[in-house]
Amino acid sequence: MFVTLILLTSCQNKENTSRVAQLPYYQDALFTPVWLKKNSRELQEFHKIPNFNLVNQNGETITQNTFADKFYVADFIFTSCPGICPKMTENMTVLQEAFKTDTEVMLLSHSVTPKIDSVSVLKSYATTKGVIDSKWHIVTGDRKQIYNLGRNYYFAEQDVGLTKDEDDFLHTENFVLIDKNRHIRGIYNGLNTQAIEQLIVDIHTLKLE
């Protein structure tokens, strides 16, 4: 419910400024905003996206080092998805265009059907969708790792209070904004045009911190 309120607030704000001068931090699936001071001990110990090892559409190994000193937006899709994924990918393309020449901003899409989405399948998908390889990584790899990242670190699903194991399918429309220190700074409905507009604005705000 709280996440829904955040997204509704985002959608109602049509100005070219963020809702706040500094974006909050998030550390759990409830997405309760927390404001922390830079260089504080609390921030140093705050929730972060852990290291990972995945493979992109070009067969390249992708780790947290790939995003060193970068801001990035993460989502979870699969190439054969007939439902929400095409619209999510379309909106990722909007972000790609908005930050096309900005080397500080990158995009990261995780396949939730990695056994099906091989490197060659991802490459074909990326080509069809106009993905810029240096800007946007679509990754496959170990299913357990991807699902652990999605559920326990990005908190991509909103099914708060429900216990799921690795056999349960991961499917979510959320985009998650990550800062240069691997902290979560926002969650957005990847199907909603106004939420995407707010995400773009929030990235600009984050760059000013």
N, C-alpha and C. Protein backbone atom coordinates (compact mmCIF):
# COMPACT_ATOMS: atom_id res chain seq x y z
N MET A 1 0.82 -1.20 0.00
CA MET A 1 0.00 0.00 0.00
C MET A 1 0.86 1.25 0.00
N PHE A 2 1.93 1.23 0.80
CA PHE A 2 2.79 2.42 0.87
C PHE A 2 3.50 2.68 -0.45
N VAL A 3 3.94 1.59 -1.10
CA VAL A 3 4.58 1.73 -2.41
C VAL A 3 3.60 2.33 -3.41
N THR A 4 2.35 1.87 -3.35
CA THR A 4 1.33 2.40 -4.24
C THR A 4 1.16 3.89 -4.05
N LEU A 5 1.16 4.34 -2.80
CA LEU A 5 1.04 5.76 -2.52
C LEU A 5 2.20 6.54 -3.08
N ILE A 6 3.42 5.97 -2.96
CA ILE A 6 4.60 6.63 -3.52
C ILE A 6 4.44 6.80 -5.02
N LEU A 7 4.00 5.73 -5.70
CA LEU A 7 3.86 5.78 -7.14
C LEU A 7 2.76 6.75 -7.55
N LEU A 8 1.68 6.78 -6.80
CA LEU A 8 0.62 7.72 -7.11
C LEU A 8 1.09 9.15 -6.96
N THR A 9 1.87 9.40 -5.92
CA THR A 9 2.42 10.73 -5.72
C THR A 9 3.32 11.11 -6.87
N SER A 10 4.12 10.15 -7.33
CA SER A 10 5.01 10.40 -8.46
C SER A 10 4.20 10.77 -9.69
N CYS A 11 3.11 10.04 -9.92
CA CYS A 11 2.32 10.26 -11.11
C CYS A 11 1.63 11.61 -11.10
N GLN A 12 1.29 12.09 -9.91
CA GLN A 12 0.58 13.36 -9.81
C GLN A 12 1.50 14.56 -9.99
N ASN A 13 2.80 14.34 -9.86
CA ASN A 13 3.74 15.44 -9.96
C ASN A 13 4.22 15.57 -11.39
N LYS A 14 3.76 16.57 -12.08
CA LYS A 14 4.11 16.75 -13.49
C LYS A 14 5.19 17.82 -13.69
N GLU A 15 5.69 18.37 -12.61
CA GLU A 15 6.72 19.37 -12.72
C GLU A 15 8.05 18.72 -13.03
N ASN A 16 9.00 19.52 -13.50
CA ASN A 16 10.32 19.00 -13.85
C ASN A 16 11.26 19.04 -12.67
N THR A 17 10.73 18.81 -11.50
CA THR A 17 11.55 18.76 -10.29
C THR A 17 11.12 17.56 -9.47
N SER A 18 12.04 17.05 -8.66
CA SER A 18 11.70 15.91 -7.82
C SER A 18 10.82 16.36 -6.67
N ARG A 19 10.21 15.38 -6.02
CA ARG A 19 9.33 15.66 -4.89
C ARG A 19 10.10 16.24 -3.72
N VAL A 20 11.40 15.91 -3.64
CA VAL A 20 12.26 16.37 -2.56
C VAL A 20 13.60 16.80 -3.12
N ALA A 21 14.35 17.59 -2.36
CA ALA A 21 15.66 18.04 -2.81
C ALA A 21 16.67 16.90 -2.84
N GLN A 22 16.48 15.93 -1.94
CA GLN A 22 17.35 14.76 -1.89
C GLN A 22 16.48 13.51 -1.87
N LEU A 23 16.82 12.54 -2.69
CA LEU A 23 16.04 11.31 -2.72
C LEU A 23 16.30 10.49 -1.46
N PRO A 24 15.28 9.81 -0.97
CA PRO A 24 15.46 8.95 0.21
C PRO A 24 16.17 7.65 -0.16
N TYR A 25 16.46 6.86 0.86
CA TYR A 25 17.06 5.54 0.71
C TYR A 25 16.02 4.50 1.14
N TYR A 26 16.18 3.27 0.62
CA TYR A 26 15.24 2.20 0.95
C TYR A 26 16.01 0.94 1.32
N GLN A 27 15.46 0.17 2.27
CA GLN A 27 16.20 -1.00 2.73
C GLN A 27 15.36 -2.26 2.89
N ASP A 28 14.07 -2.20 2.53
CA ASP A 28 13.26 -3.40 2.64
C ASP A 28 12.09 -3.33 1.67
N ALA A 29 11.32 -4.42 1.63
CA ALA A 29 10.23 -4.54 0.67
C ALA A 29 9.06 -3.59 0.94
N LEU A 30 9.02 -3.01 2.12
CA LEU A 30 7.96 -2.04 2.43
C LEU A 30 8.24 -0.68 1.78
N PHE A 31 9.47 -0.46 1.38
CA PHE A 31 9.90 0.79 0.76
C PHE A 31 9.51 2.01 1.60
N THR A 32 9.82 1.93 2.87
CA THR A 32 9.67 3.08 3.75
C THR A 32 10.86 4.00 3.52
N PRO A 33 10.63 5.27 3.16
CA PRO A 33 11.77 6.15 2.87
C PRO A 33 12.57 6.50 4.11
N VAL A 34 13.87 6.53 3.93
CA VAL A 34 14.80 6.89 5.01
C VAL A 34 15.75 7.94 4.46
N TRP A 35 15.88 9.06 5.19
CA TRP A 35 16.82 10.10 4.77
C TRP A 35 18.08 10.01 5.63
N LEU A 36 19.22 9.89 4.99
CA LEU A 36 20.48 9.72 5.69
C LEU A 36 21.50 10.75 5.24
N LYS A 37 22.40 11.09 6.13
CA LYS A 37 23.45 12.04 5.79
C LYS A 37 24.59 11.34 5.07
N LYS A 38 25.16 12.05 4.11
CA LYS A 38 26.31 11.51 3.40
C LYS A 38 27.45 11.23 4.37
N ASN A 39 28.16 10.17 4.07
CA ASN A 39 29.34 9.78 4.85
C ASN A 39 29.03 9.40 6.30
N SER A 40 27.76 9.26 6.62
CA SER A 40 27.40 8.85 7.98
C SER A 40 27.66 7.35 8.14
N ARG A 41 27.87 6.94 9.38
CA ARG A 41 28.10 5.52 9.66
C ARG A 41 26.87 4.71 9.30
N GLU A 42 25.70 5.28 9.56
CA GLU A 42 24.46 4.57 9.25
C GLU A 42 24.34 4.29 7.76
N LEU A 43 24.73 5.28 6.95
CA LEU A 43 24.67 5.10 5.50
C LEU A 43 25.68 4.05 5.04
N GLN A 44 26.84 4.05 5.63
CA GLN A 44 27.87 3.08 5.26
C GLN A 44 27.40 1.65 5.53
N GLU A 45 26.56 1.48 6.54
CA GLU A 45 26.08 0.15 6.92
C GLU A 45 24.70 -0.16 6.34
N PHE A 46 24.18 0.75 5.52
CA PHE A 46 22.83 0.62 5.00
C PHE A 46 22.78 -0.42 3.87
N HIS A 47 21.58 -0.91 3.61
CA HIS A 47 21.35 -1.94 2.59
C HIS A 47 21.95 -1.55 1.23
N LYS A 48 22.65 -2.50 0.62
CA LYS A 48 23.24 -2.31 -0.71
C LYS A 48 22.95 -3.51 -1.60
N ILE A 49 22.98 -3.28 -2.90
CA ILE A 49 22.92 -4.39 -3.85
C ILE A 49 24.27 -5.10 -3.80
N PRO A 50 24.28 -6.41 -3.60
CA PRO A 50 25.55 -7.13 -3.47
C PRO A 50 26.24 -7.35 -4.81
N ASN A 51 27.43 -7.90 -4.75
CA ASN A 51 28.13 -8.27 -5.98
C ASN A 51 27.37 -9.36 -6.71
N PHE A 52 27.48 -9.37 -8.01
CA PHE A 52 26.83 -10.41 -8.82
C PHE A 52 27.72 -10.73 -10.01
N ASN A 53 27.39 -11.83 -10.67
CA ASN A 53 28.17 -12.26 -11.83
C ASN A 53 27.19 -12.84 -12.85
N LEU A 54 26.90 -12.08 -13.89
CA LEU A 54 25.93 -12.46 -14.91
C LEU A 54 26.53 -12.25 -16.30
N VAL A 55 25.77 -12.57 -17.34
CA VAL A 55 26.28 -12.48 -18.71
C VAL A 55 25.30 -11.69 -19.56
N ASN A 56 25.79 -10.75 -20.35
CA ASN A 56 24.89 -9.89 -21.13
C ASN A 56 24.66 -10.42 -22.55
N GLN A 57 23.97 -9.62 -23.33
CA GLN A 57 23.57 -10.01 -24.69
C GLN A 57 24.74 -10.22 -25.63
N ASN A 58 25.92 -9.78 -25.24
CA ASN A 58 27.11 -9.98 -26.06
C ASN A 58 28.03 -11.05 -25.51
N GLY A 59 27.54 -11.77 -24.49
CA GLY A 59 28.35 -12.82 -23.91
C GLY A 59 29.42 -12.28 -22.96
N GLU A 60 29.30 -11.03 -22.56
CA GLU A 60 30.28 -10.41 -21.66
C GLU A 60 29.86 -10.60 -20.20
N THR A 61 30.83 -10.81 -19.34
CA THR A 61 30.56 -10.94 -17.91
C THR A 61 30.22 -9.57 -17.34
N ILE A 62 29.10 -9.52 -16.62
CA ILE A 62 28.62 -8.27 -16.04
C ILE A 62 28.63 -8.42 -14.52
N THR A 63 29.31 -7.52 -13.83
CA THR A 63 29.38 -7.52 -12.37
C THR A 63 29.10 -6.11 -11.86
N GLN A 64 29.19 -5.93 -10.55
CA GLN A 64 29.03 -4.59 -10.00
C GLN A 64 30.11 -3.65 -10.52
N ASN A 65 31.25 -4.18 -10.90
CA ASN A 65 32.31 -3.33 -11.47
C ASN A 65 31.87 -2.66 -12.75
N THR A 66 30.97 -3.31 -13.47
CA THR A 66 30.43 -2.73 -14.71
C THR A 66 29.72 -1.41 -14.42
N PHE A 67 29.17 -1.30 -13.21
CA PHE A 67 28.40 -0.13 -12.83
C PHE A 67 29.12 0.76 -11.82
N ALA A 68 30.42 0.57 -11.72
CA ALA A 68 31.21 1.39 -10.80
C ALA A 68 31.10 2.86 -11.20
N ASP A 69 30.80 3.70 -10.22
CA ASP A 69 30.65 5.14 -10.44
C ASP A 69 29.53 5.47 -11.43
N LYS A 70 28.49 4.62 -11.45
CA LYS A 70 27.34 4.83 -12.32
C LYS A 70 26.05 4.80 -11.51
N PHE A 71 25.04 5.47 -12.03
CA PHE A 71 23.67 5.28 -11.58
C PHE A 71 23.04 4.28 -12.55
N TYR A 72 22.14 3.43 -12.05
CA TYR A 72 21.48 2.54 -13.01
C TYR A 72 20.06 2.21 -12.59
N VAL A 73 19.28 1.84 -13.58
CA VAL A 73 17.90 1.42 -13.37
C VAL A 73 17.82 -0.06 -13.69
N ALA A 74 17.26 -0.85 -12.77
CA ALA A 74 17.16 -2.29 -12.94
C ALA A 74 15.71 -2.73 -13.09
N ASP A 75 15.50 -3.75 -13.91
CA ASP A 75 14.18 -4.38 -13.97
C ASP A 75 14.35 -5.88 -14.22
N PHE A 76 13.21 -6.60 -14.24
CA PHE A 76 13.21 -8.06 -14.39
C PHE A 76 12.16 -8.43 -15.43
N ILE A 77 12.61 -9.06 -16.52
CA ILE A 77 11.74 -9.36 -17.65
C ILE A 77 12.04 -10.76 -18.19
N PHE A 78 11.34 -11.17 -19.25
CA PHE A 78 11.78 -12.31 -20.05
C PHE A 78 11.35 -12.07 -21.49
N THR A 79 12.15 -12.54 -22.42
CA THR A 79 11.99 -12.14 -23.82
C THR A 79 10.71 -12.66 -24.46
N SER A 80 10.17 -13.77 -23.95
CA SER A 80 8.95 -14.34 -24.54
C SER A 80 7.69 -13.88 -23.84
N CYS A 81 7.82 -12.95 -22.93
CA CYS A 81 6.68 -12.45 -22.15
C CYS A 81 5.67 -11.74 -23.06
N PRO A 82 4.41 -12.17 -23.06
CA PRO A 82 3.39 -11.55 -23.90
C PRO A 82 2.63 -10.44 -23.18
N GLY A 83 2.90 -10.27 -21.88
CA GLY A 83 2.12 -9.33 -21.07
C GLY A 83 2.79 -7.99 -20.84
N ILE A 84 3.35 -7.83 -19.63
CA ILE A 84 3.86 -6.52 -19.22
C ILE A 84 5.24 -6.20 -19.77
N CYS A 85 6.02 -7.21 -20.13
CA CYS A 85 7.42 -6.97 -20.51
C CYS A 85 7.61 -6.08 -21.74
N PRO A 86 6.81 -6.25 -22.80
CA PRO A 86 7.00 -5.36 -23.96
C PRO A 86 6.88 -3.88 -23.59
N LYS A 87 5.89 -3.55 -22.75
CA LYS A 87 5.72 -2.15 -22.34
C LYS A 87 6.87 -1.70 -21.44
N MET A 88 7.34 -2.59 -20.57
CA MET A 88 8.48 -2.25 -19.72
C MET A 88 9.71 -1.98 -20.56
N THR A 89 9.95 -2.83 -21.55
CA THR A 89 11.11 -2.64 -22.42
C THR A 89 10.96 -1.36 -23.23
N GLU A 90 9.76 -1.06 -23.66
CA GLU A 90 9.51 0.19 -24.37
C GLU A 90 9.87 1.39 -23.49
N ASN A 91 9.52 1.32 -22.22
CA ASN A 91 9.82 2.42 -21.31
C ASN A 91 11.30 2.46 -20.94
N MET A 92 11.96 1.31 -20.93
CA MET A 92 13.42 1.31 -20.77
C MET A 92 14.07 2.02 -21.96
N THR A 93 13.48 1.85 -23.14
CA THR A 93 13.97 2.53 -24.33
C THR A 93 13.82 4.04 -24.19
N VAL A 94 12.75 4.47 -23.53
CA VAL A 94 12.55 5.90 -23.25
C VAL A 94 13.69 6.41 -22.36
N LEU A 95 14.04 5.64 -21.34
CA LEU A 95 15.16 6.02 -20.47
C LEU A 95 16.47 6.03 -21.24
N GLN A 96 16.66 5.03 -22.10
CA GLN A 96 17.87 4.99 -22.90
C GLN A 96 18.02 6.25 -23.74
N GLU A 97 16.93 6.69 -24.35
CA GLU A 97 16.97 7.88 -25.18
C GLU A 97 17.22 9.13 -24.33
N ALA A 98 16.60 9.19 -23.15
CA ALA A 98 16.74 10.36 -22.28
C ALA A 98 18.18 10.54 -21.80
N PHE A 99 18.90 9.43 -21.63
CA PHE A 99 20.27 9.50 -21.11
C PHE A 99 21.28 8.92 -22.11
N LYS A 100 20.94 9.04 -23.37
CA LYS A 100 21.73 8.44 -24.44
C LYS A 100 23.19 8.87 -24.43
N THR A 101 23.43 10.14 -24.12
CA THR A 101 24.81 10.65 -24.14
C THR A 101 25.38 10.83 -22.74
N ASP A 102 24.66 10.39 -21.74
CA ASP A 102 25.10 10.53 -20.34
C ASP A 102 25.79 9.24 -19.90
N THR A 103 27.09 9.28 -19.79
CA THR A 103 27.85 8.07 -19.46
C THR A 103 27.71 7.64 -18.00
N GLU A 104 27.08 8.49 -17.17
CA GLU A 104 26.89 8.15 -15.76
C GLU A 104 25.66 7.26 -15.51
N VAL A 105 24.79 7.18 -16.50
CA VAL A 105 23.52 6.48 -16.31
C VAL A 105 23.46 5.25 -17.20
N MET A 106 23.12 4.10 -16.58
CA MET A 106 23.03 2.85 -17.32
C MET A 106 21.74 2.12 -16.98
N LEU A 107 21.46 1.07 -17.75
CA LEU A 107 20.25 0.28 -17.57
C LEU A 107 20.63 -1.19 -17.45
N LEU A 108 19.86 -1.93 -16.64
CA LEU A 108 20.15 -3.34 -16.40
C LEU A 108 18.84 -4.13 -16.34
N SER A 109 18.64 -5.00 -17.32
CA SER A 109 17.46 -5.86 -17.35
C SER A 109 17.89 -7.30 -17.09
N HIS A 110 17.24 -7.94 -16.13
CA HIS A 110 17.54 -9.33 -15.78
C HIS A 110 16.48 -10.25 -16.37
N SER A 111 16.90 -11.32 -17.02
CA SER A 111 15.95 -12.32 -17.49
C SER A 111 15.54 -13.21 -16.33
N VAL A 112 14.23 -13.41 -16.17
CA VAL A 112 13.74 -14.30 -15.12
C VAL A 112 13.50 -15.72 -15.66
N THR A 113 13.81 -15.92 -16.95
CA THR A 113 13.81 -17.26 -17.53
C THR A 113 15.18 -17.50 -18.18
N PRO A 114 16.22 -17.50 -17.37
CA PRO A 114 17.59 -17.54 -17.92
C PRO A 114 17.92 -18.79 -18.72
N LYS A 115 17.27 -19.92 -18.41
CA LYS A 115 17.55 -21.13 -19.18
C LYS A 115 17.05 -21.00 -20.62
N ILE A 116 15.98 -20.25 -20.80
CA ILE A 116 15.42 -20.02 -22.14
C ILE A 116 16.13 -18.85 -22.81
N ASP A 117 16.38 -17.81 -22.05
CA ASP A 117 17.00 -16.60 -22.59
C ASP A 117 18.52 -16.74 -22.62
N SER A 118 19.01 -17.46 -23.60
CA SER A 118 20.45 -17.62 -23.80
C SER A 118 21.04 -16.33 -24.33
N VAL A 119 22.34 -16.28 -24.43
CA VAL A 119 23.01 -15.09 -24.96
C VAL A 119 22.51 -14.76 -26.36
N SER A 120 22.37 -15.77 -27.20
CA SER A 120 21.92 -15.52 -28.58
C SER A 120 20.49 -15.00 -28.61
N VAL A 121 19.64 -15.52 -27.73
CA VAL A 121 18.25 -15.04 -27.65
C VAL A 121 18.23 -13.59 -27.18
N LEU A 122 19.03 -13.28 -26.17
CA LEU A 122 19.11 -11.90 -25.67
C LEU A 122 19.65 -10.95 -26.73
N LYS A 123 20.62 -11.42 -27.51
CA LYS A 123 21.20 -10.57 -28.55
C LYS A 123 20.17 -10.23 -29.61
N SER A 124 19.39 -11.22 -30.02
CA SER A 124 18.33 -10.99 -31.00
C SER A 124 17.28 -10.02 -30.45
N TYR A 125 16.92 -10.22 -29.19
CA TYR A 125 15.95 -9.35 -28.53
C TYR A 125 16.48 -7.92 -28.44
N ALA A 126 17.72 -7.78 -28.04
CA ALA A 126 18.33 -6.45 -27.90
C ALA A 126 18.38 -5.73 -29.24
N THR A 127 18.73 -6.45 -30.28
CA THR A 127 18.80 -5.85 -31.62
C THR A 127 17.42 -5.38 -32.06
N THR A 128 16.43 -6.21 -31.83
CA THR A 128 15.06 -5.87 -32.21
C THR A 128 14.56 -4.63 -31.47
N LYS A 129 14.97 -4.49 -30.20
CA LYS A 129 14.48 -3.39 -29.37
C LYS A 129 15.34 -2.13 -29.45
N GLY A 130 16.38 -2.17 -30.25
CA GLY A 130 17.22 -0.98 -30.41
C GLY A 130 18.11 -0.69 -29.22
N VAL A 131 18.52 -1.74 -28.52
CA VAL A 131 19.36 -1.57 -27.34
C VAL A 131 20.76 -1.08 -27.72
N ILE A 132 21.25 -0.07 -27.01
CA ILE A 132 22.62 0.40 -27.17
C ILE A 132 23.47 -0.39 -26.19
N ASP A 133 24.37 -1.22 -26.71
CA ASP A 133 25.11 -2.16 -25.87
C ASP A 133 25.90 -1.50 -24.75
N SER A 134 26.44 -0.32 -25.00
CA SER A 134 27.24 0.36 -23.99
C SER A 134 26.39 1.01 -22.90
N LYS A 135 25.10 1.10 -23.14
CA LYS A 135 24.19 1.77 -22.22
C LYS A 135 23.31 0.80 -21.43
N TRP A 136 22.93 -0.30 -22.08
CA TRP A 136 21.88 -1.16 -21.55
C TRP A 136 22.31 -2.62 -21.63
N HIS A 137 22.44 -3.26 -20.47
CA HIS A 137 22.81 -4.67 -20.41
C HIS A 137 21.57 -5.50 -20.09
N ILE A 138 21.29 -6.48 -20.93
CA ILE A 138 20.23 -7.44 -20.67
C ILE A 138 20.93 -8.75 -20.32
N VAL A 139 20.70 -9.24 -19.11
CA VAL A 139 21.55 -10.32 -18.61
C VAL A 139 20.81 -11.63 -18.32
N THR A 140 21.57 -12.70 -18.47
CA THR A 140 21.13 -14.04 -18.12
C THR A 140 22.17 -14.62 -17.17
N GLY A 141 21.93 -15.83 -16.71
CA GLY A 141 22.89 -16.43 -15.78
C GLY A 141 22.21 -17.43 -14.87
N ASP A 142 22.77 -17.58 -13.69
CA ASP A 142 22.24 -18.54 -12.72
C ASP A 142 20.87 -18.07 -12.20
N ARG A 143 19.85 -18.91 -12.36
CA ARG A 143 18.50 -18.53 -11.97
C ARG A 143 18.40 -18.21 -10.48
N LYS A 144 19.03 -19.01 -9.65
CA LYS A 144 18.97 -18.79 -8.21
C LYS A 144 19.55 -17.43 -7.85
N GLN A 145 20.63 -17.05 -8.49
CA GLN A 145 21.25 -15.75 -8.22
C GLN A 145 20.33 -14.61 -8.63
N ILE A 146 19.74 -14.72 -9.82
CA ILE A 146 18.86 -13.66 -10.32
C ILE A 146 17.64 -13.49 -9.42
N TYR A 147 17.04 -14.60 -9.00
CA TYR A 147 15.85 -14.54 -8.15
C TYR A 147 16.20 -14.03 -6.75
N ASN A 148 17.35 -14.39 -6.26
CA ASN A 148 17.79 -13.89 -4.96
C ASN A 148 18.00 -12.37 -5.02
N LEU A 149 18.62 -11.90 -6.08
CA LEU A 149 18.81 -10.46 -6.27
C LEU A 149 17.46 -9.75 -6.35
N GLY A 150 16.57 -10.28 -7.16
CA GLY A 150 15.28 -9.63 -7.37
C GLY A 150 14.44 -9.54 -6.12
N ARG A 151 14.37 -10.64 -5.38
CA ARG A 151 13.49 -10.69 -4.22
C ARG A 151 14.12 -10.12 -2.95
N ASN A 152 15.38 -10.41 -2.72
CA ASN A 152 15.99 -10.11 -1.42
C ASN A 152 16.86 -8.86 -1.40
N TYR A 153 17.16 -8.31 -2.56
CA TYR A 153 18.03 -7.13 -2.59
C TYR A 153 17.41 -5.95 -3.34
N TYR A 154 16.82 -6.19 -4.52
CA TYR A 154 16.11 -5.11 -5.21
C TYR A 154 14.68 -4.96 -4.69
N PHE A 155 14.18 -5.98 -4.00
CA PHE A 155 12.79 -5.99 -3.50
C PHE A 155 11.82 -5.67 -4.63
N ALA A 156 12.05 -6.30 -5.76
CA ALA A 156 11.32 -5.95 -6.98
C ALA A 156 9.84 -6.31 -6.92
N GLU A 157 9.49 -7.35 -6.18
CA GLU A 157 8.09 -7.73 -6.06
C GLU A 157 7.42 -7.00 -4.91
N GLN A 158 6.11 -6.78 -5.03
CA GLN A 158 5.37 -6.07 -4.00
C GLN A 158 4.53 -7.00 -3.13
N ASP A 159 4.75 -8.29 -3.24
CA ASP A 159 3.96 -9.25 -2.46
C ASP A 159 4.48 -9.33 -1.03
N VAL A 160 4.39 -8.24 -0.31
CA VAL A 160 4.90 -8.17 1.06
C VAL A 160 4.14 -9.14 1.95
N GLY A 161 4.88 -9.91 2.73
CA GLY A 161 4.26 -10.83 3.67
C GLY A 161 4.06 -12.23 3.12
N LEU A 162 4.24 -12.39 1.80
CA LEU A 162 4.11 -13.71 1.20
C LEU A 162 5.47 -14.38 1.09
N THR A 163 5.55 -15.61 1.52
CA THR A 163 6.82 -16.34 1.44
C THR A 163 6.89 -17.09 0.13
N LYS A 164 7.98 -16.87 -0.62
CA LYS A 164 8.17 -17.56 -1.89
C LYS A 164 9.52 -18.24 -1.90
N ASP A 165 9.59 -19.35 -2.60
CA ASP A 165 10.88 -20.00 -2.74
C ASP A 165 11.37 -19.83 -4.17
N GLU A 166 12.53 -20.38 -4.47
CA GLU A 166 13.15 -20.14 -5.77
C GLU A 166 12.37 -20.77 -6.92
N ASP A 167 11.43 -21.67 -6.62
CA ASP A 167 10.63 -22.28 -7.66
C ASP A 167 9.46 -21.40 -8.09
N ASP A 168 9.10 -20.43 -7.25
CA ASP A 168 8.02 -19.51 -7.60
C ASP A 168 8.51 -18.49 -8.61
N PHE A 169 7.68 -18.23 -9.62
CA PHE A 169 8.07 -17.34 -10.70
C PHE A 169 8.18 -15.89 -10.23
N LEU A 170 9.21 -15.21 -10.67
CA LEU A 170 9.42 -13.79 -10.34
C LEU A 170 8.90 -12.95 -11.50
N HIS A 171 7.91 -12.13 -11.23
CA HIS A 171 7.32 -11.30 -12.29
C HIS A 171 6.89 -9.98 -11.66
N THR A 172 7.41 -8.89 -12.15
CA THR A 172 7.13 -7.58 -11.57
C THR A 172 7.28 -6.49 -12.62
N GLU A 173 6.47 -5.45 -12.50
CA GLU A 173 6.55 -4.31 -13.41
C GLU A 173 7.47 -3.20 -12.89
N ASN A 174 8.10 -3.41 -11.76
CA ASN A 174 8.85 -2.33 -11.12
C ASN A 174 10.22 -2.06 -11.74
N PHE A 175 10.56 -0.78 -11.79
CA PHE A 175 11.92 -0.32 -12.11
C PHE A 175 12.53 0.15 -10.79
N VAL A 176 13.78 -0.18 -10.55
CA VAL A 176 14.44 0.20 -9.30
C VAL A 176 15.66 1.06 -9.61
N LEU A 177 15.74 2.22 -8.97
CA LEU A 177 16.83 3.17 -9.18
C LEU A 177 17.94 2.95 -8.16
N ILE A 178 19.16 2.75 -8.65
CA ILE A 178 20.31 2.47 -7.81
C ILE A 178 21.35 3.58 -7.97
N ASP A 179 21.93 4.02 -6.86
CA ASP A 179 22.92 5.09 -6.94
C ASP A 179 24.34 4.53 -7.08
N LYS A 180 25.32 5.41 -7.08
CA LYS A 180 26.71 5.00 -7.31
C LYS A 180 27.29 4.16 -6.20
N ASN A 181 26.62 4.17 -5.04
CA ASN A 181 27.08 3.37 -3.90
C ASN A 181 26.24 2.12 -3.70
N ARG A 182 25.46 1.76 -4.72
CA ARG A 182 24.65 0.54 -4.74
C ARG A 182 23.45 0.58 -3.79
N HIS A 183 23.02 1.78 -3.42
CA HIS A 183 21.85 1.94 -2.58
C HIS A 183 20.59 2.11 -3.45
N ILE A 184 19.48 1.59 -2.97
CA ILE A 184 18.20 1.80 -3.65
C ILE A 184 17.69 3.21 -3.33
N ARG A 185 17.35 3.97 -4.38
CA ARG A 185 16.89 5.34 -4.17
C ARG A 185 15.48 5.60 -4.69
N GLY A 186 14.87 4.60 -5.32
CA GLY A 186 13.49 4.78 -5.78
C GLY A 186 12.96 3.53 -6.45
N ILE A 187 11.63 3.39 -6.44
CA ILE A 187 10.96 2.31 -7.14
C ILE A 187 9.82 2.93 -7.94
N TYR A 188 9.62 2.46 -9.17
CA TYR A 188 8.70 3.10 -10.11
C TYR A 188 7.92 2.05 -10.89
N ASN A 189 6.71 2.35 -11.23
CA ASN A 189 5.90 1.47 -12.05
C ASN A 189 6.38 1.56 -13.50
N GLY A 190 7.00 0.50 -13.99
CA GLY A 190 7.57 0.50 -15.32
C GLY A 190 6.56 0.51 -16.45
N LEU A 191 5.27 0.46 -16.11
CA LEU A 191 4.22 0.50 -17.11
C LEU A 191 3.58 1.88 -17.22
N ASN A 192 3.92 2.75 -16.30
CA ASN A 192 3.24 4.04 -16.17
C ASN A 192 4.09 5.17 -16.74
N THR A 193 3.56 5.86 -17.73
CA THR A 193 4.31 6.92 -18.42
C THR A 193 4.72 8.03 -17.47
N GLN A 194 3.83 8.44 -16.59
CA GLN A 194 4.15 9.53 -15.67
C GLN A 194 5.19 9.09 -14.63
N ALA A 195 5.14 7.82 -14.23
CA ALA A 195 6.16 7.31 -13.31
C ALA A 195 7.53 7.32 -13.97
N ILE A 196 7.58 7.01 -15.26
CA ILE A 196 8.85 7.05 -16.00
C ILE A 196 9.36 8.48 -16.11
N GLU A 197 8.45 9.42 -16.33
CA GLU A 197 8.84 10.83 -16.37
C GLU A 197 9.43 11.25 -15.03
N GLN A 198 8.80 10.79 -13.93
CA GLN A 198 9.31 11.12 -12.60
C GLN A 198 10.66 10.47 -12.36
N LEU A 199 10.84 9.26 -12.85
CA LEU A 199 12.12 8.58 -12.73
C LEU A 199 13.23 9.38 -13.41
N ILE A 200 12.96 9.89 -14.58
CA ILE A 200 13.95 10.70 -15.30
C ILE A 200 14.32 11.93 -14.47
N VAL A 201 13.31 12.58 -13.93
CA VAL A 201 13.54 13.76 -13.09
C VAL A 201 14.35 13.39 -11.86
N ASP A 202 14.01 12.27 -11.23
CA ASP A 202 14.70 11.84 -10.02
C ASP A 202 16.16 11.48 -10.29
N ILE A 203 16.44 10.93 -11.46
CA ILE A 203 17.84 10.65 -11.81
C ILE A 203 18.63 11.95 -11.89
N HIS A 204 18.04 12.97 -12.48
CA HIS A 204 18.72 14.26 -12.54
C HIS A 204 18.96 14.82 -11.13
N THR A 205 17.99 14.66 -10.25
CA THR A 205 18.16 15.09 -8.86
C THR A 205 19.29 14.31 -8.19
N LEU A 206 19.31 13.04 -8.42
CA LEU A 206 20.35 12.18 -7.82
C LEU A 206 21.74 12.60 -8.29
N LYS A 207 21.85 13.01 -9.52
CA LYS A 207 23.14 13.43 -10.08
C LYS A 207 23.65 14.71 -9.44
N LEU A 208 22.76 15.48 -8.81
CA LEU A 208 23.15 16.73 -8.19
C LEU A 208 23.61 16.56 -6.74
N GLU A 209 23.40 15.39 -6.18
CA GLU A 209 23.77 15.17 -4.77
C GLU A 209 25.28 15.24 -4.58
